[in-house]
């Protein structure tokens, strides 16, 4: 559906063939996405593992990452989504 809509809006765009597949999709044990800084210095950020809601959650996640990069405090508590909660201890 998305490919058809993009083709209707941007008919001049081309892409390589797409191989669709179902398979193992690694997610954290709590099934929550990882959104936030990858270190305590804010040198890199993650916004991944949204499972099957990535398309709909992407806009909000993008705004959150933008705010983090701009050093603005997001209006959402990100503790549950902290990429560092899964880092080696």
C-alpha atoms as a PDB file:
ATOM      1  CA  UNK A   1       0.000   0.000   0.000  1.00  0.00           C
ATOM      2  CA  UNK A   2       2.778   2.445   0.914  1.00  0.00           C
ATOM      3  CA  UNK A   3       4.678   1.697  -2.297  1.00  0.00           C
ATOM      4  CA  UNK A   4       1.544   2.374  -4.368  1.00  0.00           C
ATOM      5  CA  UNK A   5       0.903   5.671  -2.596  1.00  0.00           C
ATOM      6  CA  UNK A   6       4.509   6.813  -3.000  1.00  0.00           C
ATOM      7  CA  UNK A   7       4.426   5.849  -6.694  1.00  0.00           C
ATOM      8  CA  UNK A   8       1.275   7.954  -7.139  1.00  0.00           C
ATOM      9  CA  UNK A   9       2.865  10.977  -5.469  1.00  0.00           C
ATOM     10  CA  UNK A  10       6.388  10.549  -6.887  1.00  0.00           C
ATOM     11  CA  UNK A  11       5.966   8.688 -10.201  1.00  0.00           C
ATOM     12  CA  UNK A  12       9.497   9.554 -11.362  1.00  0.00           C
ATOM     13  CA  UNK A  13      11.128   7.759  -8.400  1.00  0.00           C
ATOM     14  CA  UNK A  14      12.580   4.310  -8.916  1.00  0.00           C
ATOM     15  CA  UNK A  15      13.901   1.724  -6.524  1.00  0.00           C
ATOM     16  CA  UNK A  16      15.600  -1.600  -6.489  1.00  0.00           C
ATOM     17  CA  UNK A  17      13.398  -4.687  -6.330  1.00  0.00           C
ATOM     18  CA  UNK A  18      12.178  -5.453  -2.838  1.00  0.00           C
ATOM     19  CA  UNK A  19      12.360  -8.908  -1.312  1.00  0.00           C
ATOM     20  CA  UNK A  20       9.700  -9.225   1.330  1.00  0.00           C
ATOM     21  CA  UNK A  21      10.202 -11.701   4.068  1.00  0.00           C
ATOM     22  CA  UNK A  22       8.989 -12.719   7.436  1.00  0.00           C
ATOM     23  CA  UNK A  23      11.403 -13.911   9.988  1.00  0.00           C
ATOM     24  CA  UNK A  24      13.111 -13.315  13.255  1.00  0.00           C
ATOM     25  CA  UNK A  25      12.884  -9.697  14.368  1.00  0.00           C
ATOM     26  CA  UNK A  26      14.921  -9.144  17.509  1.00  0.00           C
ATOM     27  CA  UNK A  27      13.230  -7.037  20.161  1.00  0.00           C
ATOM     28  CA  UNK A  28      14.043  -6.330  23.795  1.00  0.00           C
ATOM     29  CA  UNK A  29      12.518  -8.734  26.312  1.00  0.00           C
ATOM     30  CA  UNK A  30       9.941  -6.110  27.317  1.00  0.00           C
ATOM     31  CA  UNK A  31       8.949  -5.554  23.637  1.00  0.00           C
ATOM     32  CA  UNK A  32       9.379  -1.774  23.949  1.00  0.00           C
ATOM     33  CA  UNK A  33      11.263   0.206  21.311  1.00  0.00           C
ATOM     34  CA  UNK A  34      14.648   1.732  22.064  1.00  0.00           C
ATOM     35  CA  UNK A  35      14.542   5.521  21.815  1.00  0.00           C
ATOM     36  CA  UNK A  36      17.207   7.812  23.225  1.00  0.00           C
ATOM     37  CA  UNK A  37      20.898   8.447  23.659  1.00  0.00           C
ATOM     38  CA  UNK A  38      23.324   5.566  23.139  1.00  0.00           C
ATOM     39  CA  UNK A  39      25.712   6.952  25.727  1.00  0.00           C
ATOM     40  CA  UNK A  40      25.742   9.420  28.571  1.00  0.00           C
ATOM     41  CA  UNK A  41      27.303  12.106  26.352  1.00  0.00           C
ATOM     42  CA  UNK A  42      24.568  12.305  23.717  1.00  0.00           C
ATOM     43  CA  UNK A  43      26.947  11.509  20.860  1.00  0.00           C
ATOM     44  CA  UNK A  44      24.613   9.031  19.195  1.00  0.00           C
ATOM     45  CA  UNK A  45      20.937   8.153  19.344  1.00  0.00           C
ATOM     46  CA  UNK A  46      18.777   5.115  18.702  1.00  0.00           C
ATOM     47  CA  UNK A  47      15.235   5.023  17.416  1.00  0.00           C
ATOM     48  CA  UNK A  48      14.537   1.401  16.613  1.00  0.00           C
ATOM     49  CA  UNK A  49      12.667  -1.826  17.278  1.00  0.00           C
ATOM     50  CA  UNK A  50       9.173  -0.420  16.987  1.00  0.00           C
ATOM     51  CA  UNK A  51       8.017  -3.829  15.761  1.00  0.00           C
ATOM     52  CA  UNK A  52       4.882  -3.514  13.616  1.00  0.00           C
ATOM     53  CA  UNK A  53       4.047   0.075  14.598  1.00  0.00           C
ATOM     54  CA  UNK A  54       7.176   1.739  13.239  1.00  0.00           C
ATOM     55  CA  UNK A  55       5.337   3.453  10.410  1.00  0.00           C
ATOM     56  CA  UNK A  56       2.829   5.067  12.749  1.00  0.00           C
ATOM     57  CA  UNK A  57       5.238   5.700  15.637  1.00  0.00           C
ATOM     58  CA  UNK A  58       7.961   7.110  13.408  1.00  0.00           C
ATOM     59  CA  UNK A  59       6.766  10.712  13.401  1.00  0.00           C
ATOM     60  CA  UNK A  60       6.613  10.998  17.187  1.00  0.00           C
ATOM     61  CA  UNK A  61       9.906   9.153  17.573  1.00  0.00           C
ATOM     62  CA  UNK A  62      11.513  11.506  15.062  1.00  0.00           C
ATOM     63  CA  UNK A  63      10.338  14.538  17.037  1.00  0.00           C
ATOM     64  CA  UNK A  64      11.709  13.027  20.247  1.00  0.00           C
ATOM     65  CA  UNK A  65      15.118  12.367  18.651  1.00  0.00           C
ATOM     66  CA  UNK A  66      15.144  15.889  17.195  1.00  0.00           C
ATOM     67  CA  UNK A  67      14.497  17.327  20.662  1.00  0.00           C
ATOM     68  CA  UNK A  68      17.260  15.204  22.181  1.00  0.00           C
ATOM     69  CA  UNK A  69      19.742  16.333  19.534  1.00  0.00           C
ATOM     70  CA  UNK A  70      18.702  19.961  20.122  1.00  0.00           C
ATOM     71  CA  UNK A  71      19.190  19.393  23.873  1.00  0.00           C
ATOM     72  CA  UNK A  72      15.485  20.026  24.540  1.00  0.00           C
ATOM     73  CA  UNK A  73      13.701  17.962  27.146  1.00  0.00           C
ATOM     74  CA  UNK A  74      11.036  15.766  25.465  1.00  0.00           C
ATOM     75  CA  UNK A  75       7.535  15.944  26.896  1.00  0.00           C
ATOM     76  CA  UNK A  76       7.597  12.159  27.342  1.00  0.00           C
ATOM     77  CA  UNK A  77       9.317  10.089  30.013  1.00  0.00           C
ATOM     78  CA  UNK A  78      11.798   7.998  28.034  1.00  0.00           C
ATOM     79  CA  UNK A  79      13.055   5.834  30.908  1.00  0.00           C
ATOM     80  CA  UNK A  80      11.268   2.709  29.651  1.00  0.00           C
ATOM     81  CA  UNK A  81      12.723   3.198  26.148  1.00  0.00           C
ATOM     82  CA  UNK A  82      16.331   3.943  27.182  1.00  0.00           C
ATOM     83  CA  UNK A  83      18.812   2.096  24.913  1.00  0.00           C
ATOM     84  CA  UNK A  84      21.278   1.992  27.808  1.00  0.00           C
ATOM     85  CA  UNK A  85      18.977  -0.241  29.853  1.00  0.00           C
ATOM     86  CA  UNK A  86      20.137  -3.092  27.617  1.00  0.00           C
ATOM     87  CA  UNK A  87      23.819  -2.163  27.590  1.00  0.00           C
ATOM     88  CA  UNK A  88      26.306  -4.538  29.098  1.00  0.00           C
ATOM     89  CA  UNK A  89      26.608  -3.829  32.783  1.00  0.00           C
END
